[in-house]
């Protein structure tokens, strides 16, 4: 037994005094202590008001109080567990620290005079909102269910779609004070065991007081390149997307109080995928994916390339004479682009904090009236507003908001380099961006795979939304025991058995 933990005493009063002090009973109004007599023996129940289901809690307490001493001796705890507490989720704890952890997690804990073991009955019922479709991952067809803040509901949504006995959900507790429930999800005979071990090792190394922002706190400990703005994990709020990645061999990380699931590992191509593609036919799905890739190119390079072409307009000849403004403005073109980019971010932030009834009006004022007035007074030219608006549309077409922010920061860099160094600045900035992508890893997985290192079949699947009937193998980069989707590894068949 861990020396830092205090075993329960046979004296009920000693146990209760320590627990009262540690939990702040009498100070915190929501920590409830209930004294009982069970089979003629004193007993005490501790629980958190608001977590316990009233009906279940009362049923358990009434049943215990009706017992006679002859029904409980000897082996009181064993008899209570086997015959008297008719409830599904029951556990035993033997230390003061475990009692406190159980109470603060939600179960009702019973301590008995003369017993070194306490009984924890899981009667908790967390506040939860109804299932709703995620705002960032809406689809025209398909399921409209989304994850919620209660982790047990999220695991149930996944199991509802994946009734595989090899599906595993392992629980860890992270945070010295918060002791937040963190769940690792994977399919035992599909996911690479080394990948699972690596994720668990990184989670076990986390040493913080609490996880106030849930998954985002966890991400910063899992990521080994924190100052690289490219996202190394993908988030989803859709159970069907989570299941699809489980079947490919990915690992899910779920954090209680967070209505999204973290997917590991990922590559850049994961951020161009969206559930909508799979609720349409292969041709339409491929078209949507290519349009999204085009949006990425527009959001990244349109304004820097336009600015470069304008700088070399005279050298390029009359065919490009239409590029650039015909009239001058007070603010230089490069500064106009930066100011407009910052203005879009300012409007977006203002809309977040604006009541819904006023959001549309604010958007119209910011996007139309201010832009028109800026052109009228000669601060900006119409072309910069046009191209910035097109770039903004491309930015919002990228499914991942984290990846979209990385694109925006990189575009700032390209604009500044183009203004200062002209074409060489654009070329150097582009090479720098490629090198950053080349050196980025997501849990040891190359960010540009399957382009670099090259794997033709996987690259084709990343570009083209393949028909479901033709998808026969899982991504080899994940190196799971079972590569073929129609095969499972059994006890009589080694993982490295040749494919049929």
Protein backbone atom coordinates (compact mmCIF):
# COMPACT_ATOMS: atom_id res chain seq x y z
CA UNK A 1 0.00 0.00 0.00
CA UNK A 2 1.22 3.51 -0.80
CA UNK A 3 2.77 5.02 2.34
CA UNK A 4 1.18 8.38 1.58
CA UNK A 5 -2.30 6.94 2.08
CA UNK A 6 -3.93 6.49 5.47
CA UNK A 7 -5.78 3.20 6.06
CA UNK A 8 -9.24 3.43 7.55
CA UNK A 9 -9.44 2.79 11.28
CA UNK A 10 -11.86 0.39 12.97
CA UNK A 11 -13.04 3.38 14.98
CA UNK A 12 -15.83 5.10 13.09
CA UNK A 13 -15.37 8.32 15.08
CA UNK A 14 -11.69 8.57 14.13
CA UNK A 15 -12.48 8.11 10.45
CA UNK A 16 -15.33 10.60 10.53
CA UNK A 17 -13.29 13.29 12.31
CA UNK A 18 -10.51 13.11 9.71
CA UNK A 19 -12.95 13.10 6.79
CA UNK A 20 -14.95 15.98 8.24
CA UNK A 21 -11.83 18.11 8.46
CA UNK A 22 -10.52 17.18 5.03
CA UNK A 23 -13.87 17.72 3.25
CA UNK A 24 -14.87 20.82 5.20
CA UNK A 25 -18.14 19.39 6.47
CA UNK A 26 -20.04 22.23 8.14
CA UNK A 27 -18.14 24.81 6.09
CA UNK A 28 -19.10 23.69 2.58
CA UNK A 29 -22.88 23.53 2.45
CA UNK A 30 -22.93 20.92 -0.32
CA UNK A 31 -20.91 18.24 1.51
CA UNK A 32 -23.51 16.19 3.34
CA UNK A 33 -22.88 13.88 6.33
CA UNK A 34 -25.72 11.50 7.22
CA UNK A 35 -25.57 9.43 10.41
CA UNK A 36 -27.23 6.00 10.26
CA UNK A 37 -27.76 2.84 12.28
CA UNK A 38 -27.21 -0.28 10.18
CA UNK A 39 -27.94 -3.61 11.86
CA UNK A 40 -27.54 -2.03 15.27
CA UNK A 41 -24.10 -0.61 14.36
CA UNK A 42 -23.36 3.12 13.89
CA UNK A 43 -22.63 4.15 10.33
CA UNK A 44 -22.09 7.42 8.46
CA UNK A 45 -22.72 8.32 4.82
CA UNK A 46 -20.88 11.14 3.00
CA UNK A 47 -21.97 12.55 -0.36
CA UNK A 48 -22.12 15.74 -2.40
CA UNK A 49 -25.49 17.40 -2.63
CA UNK A 50 -26.42 17.81 -6.28
CA UNK A 51 -24.61 14.67 -7.48
CA UNK A 52 -26.70 12.03 -5.75
CA UNK A 53 -29.96 10.83 -7.29
CA UNK A 54 -32.58 11.41 -4.61
CA UNK A 55 -34.64 8.27 -5.24
CA UNK A 56 -31.68 5.89 -5.47
CA UNK A 57 -29.98 7.41 -2.42
CA UNK A 58 -33.13 7.08 -0.33
CA UNK A 59 -33.70 3.50 -1.47
CA UNK A 60 -30.17 2.50 -0.42
CA UNK A 61 -30.43 4.27 2.96
CA UNK A 62 -33.89 2.83 3.75
CA UNK A 63 -32.72 -0.67 2.88
CA UNK A 64 -29.66 -0.41 5.15
CA UNK A 65 -31.66 0.94 8.08
CA UNK A 66 -34.10 -1.96 7.92
CA UNK A 67 -31.40 -4.59 8.46
CA UNK A 68 -31.04 -6.55 11.68
CA UNK A 69 -27.71 -7.30 13.35
CA UNK A 70 -28.10 -11.03 12.71
CA UNK A 71 -28.20 -10.32 9.00
CA UNK A 72 -24.81 -8.61 9.00
CA UNK A 73 -22.48 -10.51 11.31
CA UNK A 74 -20.00 -11.87 10.69
CA UNK A 75 -18.44 -10.49 7.44
CA UNK A 76 -20.54 -7.33 7.40
CA UNK A 77 -19.05 -5.77 4.26
CA UNK A 78 -19.21 -8.97 2.23
CA UNK A 79 -22.86 -9.55 3.14
CA UNK A 80 -23.82 -5.98 2.37
CA UNK A 81 -22.21 -6.19 -1.05
CA UNK A 82 -23.62 -9.58 -1.97
CA UNK A 83 -27.15 -9.44 -0.60
CA UNK A 84 -28.29 -6.10 0.73
CA UNK A 85 -27.14 -3.28 -1.55
CA UNK A 86 -29.11 -4.06 -4.68
CA UNK A 87 -27.32 -1.60 -6.91
CA UNK A 88 -25.16 -2.13 -9.98
CA UNK A 89 -22.20 0.21 -9.42
CA UNK A 90 -20.71 -0.55 -6.00
CA UNK A 91 -17.06 -0.48 -4.94
CA UNK A 92 -15.01 -0.73 -1.75
CA UNK A 93 -12.35 1.68 -0.48
CA UNK A 94 -9.86 1.17 2.31
CA UNK A 95 -8.06 4.50 2.79
CA UNK A 96 -9.06 7.98 3.87
CA UNK A 97 -7.78 9.45 0.60
CA UNK A 98 -9.85 7.01 -1.47
CA UNK A 99 -12.97 7.88 0.54
CA UNK A 100 -12.42 11.59 -0.12
CA UNK A 101 -11.74 11.01 -3.81
CA UNK A 102 -14.89 8.93 -4.16
CA UNK A 103 -17.10 11.47 -2.37
CA UNK A 104 -15.80 14.37 -4.47
CA UNK A 105 -16.29 12.31 -7.65
CA UNK A 106 -19.98 11.84 -6.86
CA UNK A 107 -20.61 8.41 -5.25
CA UNK A 108 -22.12 8.07 -1.78
CA UNK A 109 -19.65 6.48 0.65
CA UNK A 110 -20.77 4.47 3.73
CA UNK A 111 -18.46 3.91 6.71
CA UNK A 112 -19.30 1.41 9.46
CA UNK A 113 -18.20 1.01 13.07
CA UNK A 114 -15.57 -1.72 13.46
CA UNK A 115 -14.86 -2.00 9.70
CA UNK A 116 -11.68 -0.99 7.87
CA UNK A 117 -13.49 -1.03 4.54
CA UNK A 118 -16.00 1.54 3.29
CA UNK A 119 -18.59 1.03 0.56
CA UNK A 120 -18.97 3.50 -2.33
CA UNK A 121 -22.32 3.42 -4.12
CA UNK A 122 -22.33 5.29 -7.42
CA UNK A 123 -25.60 7.19 -7.17
CA UNK A 124 -24.34 10.29 -8.98
CA UNK A 125 -26.22 12.12 -11.66
CA UNK A 126 -24.27 14.95 -13.25
CA UNK A 127 -26.05 17.96 -14.71
CA UNK A 128 -26.07 17.50 -18.48
CA UNK A 129 -27.44 19.37 -21.45
CA UNK A 130 -29.38 17.68 -24.23
CA UNK A 131 -27.61 16.20 -27.25
CA UNK A 132 -27.23 18.81 -29.98
CA UNK A 133 -25.50 18.99 -33.34
CA UNK A 134 -22.06 20.66 -33.14
CA UNK A 135 -21.95 24.13 -34.69
CA UNK A 136 -18.56 23.56 -36.34
CA UNK A 137 -19.37 20.15 -37.87
CA UNK A 138 -22.89 20.47 -39.22
CA UNK A 139 -24.03 18.17 -42.02
CA UNK A 140 -27.02 18.26 -44.32
CA UNK A 141 -27.50 14.48 -43.97
CA UNK A 142 -26.59 12.07 -41.23
CA UNK A 143 -26.63 12.11 -37.46
CA UNK A 144 -27.22 15.35 -35.60
CA UNK A 145 -25.87 14.09 -32.28
CA UNK A 146 -22.88 15.71 -30.64
CA UNK A 147 -20.77 15.04 -27.58
CA UNK A 148 -21.70 16.67 -24.27
CA UNK A 149 -19.74 17.63 -21.15
CA UNK A 150 -20.43 14.35 -19.30
CA UNK A 151 -17.83 11.74 -20.23
CA UNK A 152 -19.98 8.69 -19.50
CA UNK A 153 -22.55 9.89 -22.04
CA UNK A 154 -19.79 10.38 -24.62
CA UNK A 155 -18.47 6.84 -24.21
CA UNK A 156 -22.04 5.56 -24.52
CA UNK A 157 -22.50 7.46 -27.80
CA UNK A 158 -19.40 5.75 -29.16
CA UNK A 159 -20.37 2.27 -27.95
CA UNK A 160 -23.80 2.71 -29.47
CA UNK A 161 -22.09 2.93 -32.86
CA UNK A 162 -19.29 0.45 -32.25
CA UNK A 163 -20.33 -2.77 -30.49
CA UNK A 164 -16.86 -4.24 -30.63
CA UNK A 165 -15.76 -6.27 -27.59
CA UNK A 166 -12.20 -5.07 -28.27
CA UNK A 167 -13.15 -1.42 -27.77
CA UNK A 168 -11.33 -0.19 -24.69
CA UNK A 169 -11.88 2.87 -22.52
CA UNK A 170 -9.12 3.28 -19.92
CA UNK A 171 -9.49 5.91 -17.20
CA UNK A 172 -6.79 8.11 -15.72
CA UNK A 173 -7.07 10.89 -13.16
CA UNK A 174 -5.13 14.06 -14.01
CA UNK A 175 -4.67 17.07 -11.74
CA UNK A 176 -3.55 17.03 -8.14
CA UNK A 177 -6.56 19.06 -7.04
CA UNK A 178 -9.14 18.55 -9.78
CA UNK A 179 -8.50 14.79 -10.28
CA UNK A 180 -10.19 15.14 -13.65
CA UNK A 181 -11.34 11.95 -15.38
CA UNK A 182 -9.40 11.42 -18.61
CA UNK A 183 -10.35 8.46 -20.81
CA UNK A 184 -8.18 6.85 -23.49
CA UNK A 185 -10.23 5.09 -26.17
CA UNK A 186 -8.90 2.57 -28.70
CA UNK A 187 -9.66 -0.80 -30.32
CA UNK A 188 -7.40 -3.45 -28.82
CA UNK A 189 -6.74 -5.51 -31.95
CA UNK A 190 -6.57 -2.52 -34.31
CA UNK A 191 -4.55 0.21 -32.61
CA UNK A 192 -0.77 0.00 -32.32
CA UNK A 193 0.04 -0.92 -28.67
CA UNK A 194 3.13 1.32 -28.77
CA UNK A 195 0.93 4.28 -29.69
CA UNK A 196 -1.40 3.57 -26.77
CA UNK A 197 1.56 3.22 -24.40
CA UNK A 198 3.08 6.48 -25.63
CA UNK A 199 -0.16 8.41 -25.06
CA UNK A 200 -0.57 6.92 -21.58
CA UNK A 201 3.05 7.67 -20.72
CA UNK A 202 2.64 11.32 -21.67
CA UNK A 203 -0.61 11.60 -19.74
CA UNK A 204 0.92 10.03 -16.64
CA UNK A 205 3.71 12.61 -16.73
CA UNK A 206 1.27 15.52 -16.41
CA UNK A 207 1.76 17.31 -13.11
CA UNK A 208 -0.65 20.21 -12.62
CA UNK A 209 -3.17 21.31 -10.03
CA UNK A 210 -6.16 21.17 -12.36
CA UNK A 211 -7.42 21.14 -15.96
CA UNK A 212 -9.71 24.19 -16.07
CA UNK A 213 -10.00 24.14 -19.87
CA UNK A 214 -10.14 20.36 -20.21
CA UNK A 215 -8.79 18.97 -23.47
CA UNK A 216 -6.82 22.08 -24.36
CA UNK A 217 -4.78 21.72 -21.17
CA UNK A 218 -4.15 18.08 -22.00
CA UNK A 219 -3.09 18.96 -25.56
CA UNK A 220 -0.32 21.26 -24.36
CA UNK A 221 1.22 18.37 -22.43
CA UNK A 222 0.86 15.86 -25.27
CA UNK A 223 2.37 18.18 -27.87
CA UNK A 224 6.17 18.33 -27.95
CA UNK A 225 6.33 21.49 -30.11
CA UNK A 226 4.20 23.98 -28.17
CA UNK A 227 5.44 27.06 -30.05
CA UNK A 228 4.58 25.58 -33.43
CA UNK A 229 1.07 26.95 -34.22
CA UNK A 230 0.11 23.97 -36.39
CA UNK A 231 -2.37 21.74 -34.53
CA UNK A 232 -0.94 18.30 -33.71
CA UNK A 233 -4.29 16.84 -32.66
CA UNK A 234 -7.71 16.95 -34.23
CA UNK A 235 -10.86 17.69 -32.29
CA UNK A 236 -14.30 16.42 -33.12
CA UNK A 237 -17.68 16.81 -31.46
CA UNK A 238 -19.30 14.10 -33.58
CA UNK A 239 -19.51 10.47 -32.36
CA UNK A 240 -19.54 9.10 -35.92
CA UNK A 241 -16.27 10.89 -36.74
CA UNK A 242 -14.69 9.54 -33.55
CA UNK A 243 -15.75 5.98 -34.43
CA UNK A 244 -14.38 6.30 -37.98
CA UNK A 245 -10.97 7.24 -36.59
CA UNK A 246 -11.06 4.43 -34.03
CA UNK A 247 -11.57 1.95 -36.87
CA UNK A 248 -8.50 3.35 -38.62
CA UNK A 249 -6.34 2.74 -35.55
CA UNK A 250 -6.30 6.18 -33.93
CA UNK A 251 -6.42 6.84 -30.20
CA UNK A 252 -9.11 9.02 -28.64
CA UNK A 253 -8.51 11.16 -25.55
CA UNK A 254 -11.66 12.32 -23.76
CA UNK A 255 -11.75 14.69 -20.80
CA UNK A 256 -14.70 15.02 -18.45
CA UNK A 257 -16.46 18.43 -18.70
CA UNK A 258 -15.25 18.81 -22.32
CA UNK A 259 -17.76 18.26 -25.16
CA UNK A 260 -15.14 17.23 -27.71
CA UNK A 261 -12.80 14.32 -28.33
CA UNK A 262 -9.12 14.55 -29.17
CA UNK A 263 -7.87 12.33 -32.03
CA UNK A 264 -4.24 11.16 -32.14
CA UNK A 265 -2.12 11.05 -34.24
CA UNK A 266 -3.03 13.25 -37.21
CA UNK A 267 -1.51 14.58 -40.42
CA UNK A 268 -2.22 17.77 -42.37
CA UNK A 269 -4.69 15.88 -44.57
CA UNK A 270 -6.97 15.17 -41.62
CA UNK A 271 -7.79 18.87 -41.42
CA UNK A 272 -9.25 18.87 -44.94
CA UNK A 273 -11.75 16.11 -44.15
CA UNK A 274 -15.32 16.73 -43.04
CA UNK A 275 -18.21 14.43 -42.20
CA UNK A 276 -20.29 15.98 -44.99
CA UNK A 277 -18.09 14.26 -47.59
CA UNK A 278 -19.10 10.83 -46.30
CA UNK A 279 -22.81 11.60 -46.31
CA UNK A 280 -22.55 12.34 -50.04
CA UNK A 281 -21.51 10.08 -52.91
CA UNK A 282 -17.83 9.55 -53.75
CA UNK A 283 -17.84 12.02 -56.65
CA UNK A 284 -19.55 14.79 -54.70
CA UNK A 285 -17.46 14.00 -51.63
CA UNK A 286 -14.26 14.29 -53.67
CA UNK A 287 -15.48 17.57 -55.14
CA UNK A 288 -16.13 18.97 -51.67
CA UNK A 289 -12.70 17.87 -50.47
CA UNK A 290 -10.97 19.49 -53.45
CA UNK A 291 -12.93 22.70 -52.94
CA UNK A 292 -11.78 22.69 -49.32
CA UNK A 293 -8.17 22.23 -50.44
CA UNK A 294 -8.64 25.15 -52.85
CA UNK A 295 -9.99 27.21 -49.97
CA UNK A 296 -6.81 26.39 -48.04
CA UNK A 297 -4.68 27.63 -50.94
CA UNK A 298 -6.73 30.80 -51.27
CA UNK A 299 -6.64 31.51 -47.55
CA UNK A 300 -2.88 31.04 -47.47
CA UNK A 301 -1.47 32.54 -50.67
CA UNK A 302 -4.03 34.76 -52.43
CA UNK A 303 -3.17 38.13 -50.89
CA UNK A 304 0.65 37.61 -50.81
CA UNK A 305 0.65 36.51 -54.48
CA UNK A 306 -1.61 39.40 -55.49
CA UNK A 307 0.69 41.83 -53.69
CA UNK A 308 3.76 40.32 -55.40
CA UNK A 309 2.16 40.54 -58.85
CA UNK A 310 1.26 44.17 -58.21
CA UNK A 311 4.87 44.93 -57.25
CA UNK A 312 6.09 43.45 -60.58
CA UNK A 313 3.19 44.63 -62.71
CA UNK A 314 5.31 46.83 -64.97
CA UNK A 315 7.88 44.09 -65.65
CA UNK A 316 5.23 41.45 -66.41
CA UNK A 317 3.64 43.34 -69.28
CA UNK A 318 0.17 44.43 -70.28
CA UNK A 319 -1.55 41.09 -69.67
CA UNK A 320 -1.42 41.76 -65.93
CA UNK A 321 -2.18 45.45 -66.08
CA UNK A 322 -5.54 44.86 -64.40
CA UNK A 323 -3.82 43.78 -61.18
CA UNK A 324 -3.64 46.39 -58.46
CA UNK A 325 -5.50 49.61 -57.74
CA UNK A 326 -5.87 52.33 -60.36
CA UNK A 327 -6.03 55.03 -57.70
CA UNK A 328 -3.77 55.68 -54.75
CA UNK A 329 -4.65 55.50 -51.07
CA UNK A 330 -3.26 57.02 -47.91
CA UNK A 331 -2.35 53.63 -46.42
CA UNK A 332 0.21 51.43 -48.29
CA UNK A 333 -1.18 48.22 -49.79
CA UNK A 334 0.69 45.88 -47.46
CA UNK A 335 -0.50 47.79 -44.42
CA UNK A 336 -4.05 47.76 -45.81
CA UNK A 337 -4.02 43.98 -46.00
CA UNK A 338 -2.71 43.62 -42.44
CA UNK A 339 -5.23 46.14 -41.07
CA UNK A 340 -8.12 44.44 -42.84
CA UNK A 341 -7.02 41.03 -41.53
CA UNK A 342 -6.92 42.41 -38.01
CA UNK A 343 -10.31 44.04 -38.59
CA UNK A 344 -11.88 40.70 -39.50
CA UNK A 345 -10.49 39.17 -36.32
CA UNK A 346 -11.79 42.14 -34.35
CA UNK A 347 -15.28 41.75 -35.81
CA UNK A 348 -15.25 38.00 -35.13
CA UNK A 349 -14.24 38.54 -31.50
CA UNK A 350 -16.86 41.24 -31.08
CA UNK A 351 -19.56 38.93 -32.49
CA UNK A 352 -18.66 36.26 -29.91
CA UNK A 353 -19.40 38.69 -27.08
CA UNK A 354 -22.44 40.29 -28.73
CA UNK A 355 -26.01 39.18 -27.90
CA UNK A 356 -27.51 37.12 -30.71
CA UNK A 357 -30.18 39.72 -31.45
CA UNK A 358 -27.49 42.30 -32.24
CA UNK A 359 -24.91 40.08 -33.93
CA UNK A 360 -26.31 40.49 -37.46
CA UNK A 361 -26.41 44.27 -37.13
CA UNK A 362 -22.82 44.38 -35.88
CA UNK A 363 -21.67 42.19 -38.76
CA UNK A 364 -23.31 44.49 -41.30
CA UNK A 365 -21.81 47.60 -39.69
CA UNK A 366 -18.34 46.08 -39.50
CA UNK A 367 -18.19 44.36 -42.87
CA UNK A 368 -20.06 46.79 -45.11
CA UNK A 369 -20.37 50.26 -43.66
CA UNK A 370 -16.85 50.55 -42.27
CA UNK A 371 -15.29 49.12 -45.44
CA UNK A 372 -17.30 51.44 -47.66
CA UNK A 373 -16.42 54.47 -45.54
CA UNK A 374 -12.73 53.53 -45.55
CA UNK A 375 -12.76 53.49 -49.37
CA UNK A 376 -14.76 56.71 -49.56
CA UNK A 377 -12.30 58.67 -47.43
CA UNK A 378 -9.31 57.29 -49.32
CA UNK A 379 -7.77 55.10 -46.64
CA UNK A 380 -8.23 51.81 -48.54
CA UNK A 381 -8.72 50.74 -52.15
CA UNK A 382 -11.57 48.41 -53.19
CA UNK A 383 -9.22 45.63 -54.36
CA UNK A 384 -7.72 45.04 -50.91
CA UNK A 385 -11.19 44.74 -49.40
CA UNK A 386 -12.25 42.36 -52.16
CA UNK A 387 -9.27 40.02 -51.81
CA UNK A 388 -9.39 40.09 -48.02
CA UNK A 389 -13.08 39.11 -48.16
CA UNK A 390 -12.27 36.20 -50.50
CA UNK A 391 -9.47 35.09 -48.17
CA UNK A 392 -11.86 35.25 -45.20
CA UNK A 393 -14.31 32.96 -47.01
CA UNK A 394 -11.50 30.49 -47.69
CA UNK A 395 -10.44 30.68 -44.05
CA UNK A 396 -13.92 29.81 -42.78
CA UNK A 397 -14.16 26.91 -45.28
CA UNK A 398 -11.37 25.08 -43.42
CA UNK A 399 -13.12 22.66 -40.98
CA UNK A 400 -10.56 22.99 -38.15
CA UNK A 401 -10.59 26.32 -36.35
CA UNK A 402 -7.11 25.60 -34.92
CA UNK A 403 -5.70 24.95 -38.39
CA UNK A 404 -7.43 28.09 -39.66
CA UNK A 405 -5.66 30.21 -37.05
CA UNK A 406 -2.31 28.71 -38.07
CA UNK A 407 -3.05 29.64 -41.69
CA UNK A 408 -3.85 33.20 -40.67
CA UNK A 409 -0.61 33.66 -38.73
CA UNK A 410 1.39 32.24 -41.62
CA UNK A 411 -0.35 34.59 -44.05
CA UNK A 412 0.68 37.56 -41.89
CA UNK A 413 4.27 36.37 -42.20
CA UNK A 414 4.03 36.02 -45.98
CA UNK A 415 2.54 39.51 -46.37
CA UNK A 416 5.26 41.11 -44.25
CA UNK A 417 8.04 39.26 -46.13
CA UNK A 418 6.48 40.22 -49.47
CA UNK A 419 6.26 43.89 -48.51
CA UNK A 420 9.86 44.01 -47.30
CA UNK A 421 11.66 41.68 -49.76
CA UNK A 422 9.16 41.44 -52.63
CA UNK A 423 9.35 38.15 -54.62
CA UNK A 424 12.38 36.70 -52.74
CA UNK A 425 10.48 37.26 -49.50
CA UNK A 426 7.47 35.29 -50.79
CA UNK A 427 9.72 32.45 -51.98
CA UNK A 428 11.66 32.29 -48.71
CA UNK A 429 8.42 32.43 -46.69
CA UNK A 430 6.94 29.58 -48.73
CA UNK A 431 10.06 27.43 -48.26
CA UNK A 432 10.07 28.22 -44.54
CA UNK A 433 6.42 27.12 -44.25
CA UNK A 434 7.19 23.88 -46.07
CA UNK A 435 10.14 23.16 -43.76
CA UNK A 436 7.94 23.76 -40.71
CA UNK A 437 5.42 21.26 -42.06
CA UNK A 438 8.22 18.82 -42.82
CA UNK A 439 9.57 18.95 -39.27
CA UNK A 440 6.22 18.82 -37.48
CA UNK A 441 5.22 15.60 -35.72
CA UNK A 442 2.00 14.40 -34.13
CA UNK A 443 2.94 11.71 -31.59
CA UNK A 444 5.97 10.76 -33.76
CA UNK A 445 3.85 10.74 -36.95
CA UNK A 446 5.13 12.88 -39.89
CA UNK A 447 2.75 15.78 -40.51
CA UNK A 448 3.00 15.52 -44.33
CA UNK A 449 2.41 11.77 -44.55
CA UNK A 450 1.47 10.20 -46.98
CA UNK A 451 3.11 12.85 -49.19
CA UNK A 452 6.39 12.77 -47.25
CA UNK A 453 7.25 9.96 -46.71
CA UNK A 454 5.42 9.03 -49.88
CA UNK A 455 2.75 6.34 -49.87
CA UNK A 456 0.75 6.36 -53.08
CA UNK A 457 -2.42 4.47 -52.10
CA UNK A 458 -2.84 6.46 -48.90
CA UNK A 459 -2.20 9.76 -50.71
CA UNK A 460 -4.89 8.86 -53.22
CA UNK A 461 -7.34 8.19 -50.37
CA UNK A 462 -6.39 11.53 -48.79
CA UNK A 463 -7.18 13.40 -52.01
CA UNK A 464 -10.13 11.35 -53.30
CA UNK A 465 -13.15 10.34 -51.24
CA UNK A 466 -13.00 6.65 -52.12
CA UNK A 467 -16.13 4.44 -52.24
CA UNK A 468 -16.61 2.52 -49.01
CA UNK A 469 -16.55 -0.80 -50.88
CA UNK A 470 -12.97 -0.18 -52.08
CA UNK A 471 -11.45 0.78 -48.71
CA UNK A 472 -9.84 -2.49 -47.65
CA UNK A 473 -6.85 -1.50 -45.52
CA UNK A 474 -6.13 0.81 -42.64
CA UNK A 475 -3.45 3.52 -42.87
CA UNK A 476 -0.07 1.73 -42.60
CA UNK A 477 1.46 4.67 -40.72
CA UNK A 478 -0.56 3.64 -37.64
CA UNK A 479 1.05 0.16 -37.73
CA UNK A 480 -1.75 -1.61 -35.86
CA UNK A 481 -1.96 -5.39 -35.44
CA UNK A 482 -4.80 -5.63 -37.96
CA UNK A 483 -4.16 -3.82 -41.26
CA UNK A 484 -7.05 -5.35 -43.22
CA UNK A 485 -10.46 -3.98 -42.27
CA UNK A 486 -12.14 -7.36 -42.83
CA UNK A 487 -9.76 -9.25 -40.55
CA UNK A 488 -9.24 -9.42 -36.82
CA UNK A 489 -6.31 -10.83 -34.90
CA UNK A 490 -7.34 -13.77 -32.76
CA UNK A 491 -5.52 -15.68 -30.07
CA UNK A 492 -4.58 -18.37 -32.60
CA UNK A 493 -3.45 -15.93 -35.29
CA UNK A 494 -0.36 -13.79 -34.65
CA UNK A 495 -0.44 -10.11 -35.51
CA UNK A 496 2.28 -10.55 -38.14
CA UNK A 497 0.45 -13.35 -39.99
CA UNK A 498 0.54 -12.89 -43.79
CA UNK A 499 -2.49 -11.23 -45.31
CA UNK A 500 -4.84 -13.50 -47.17
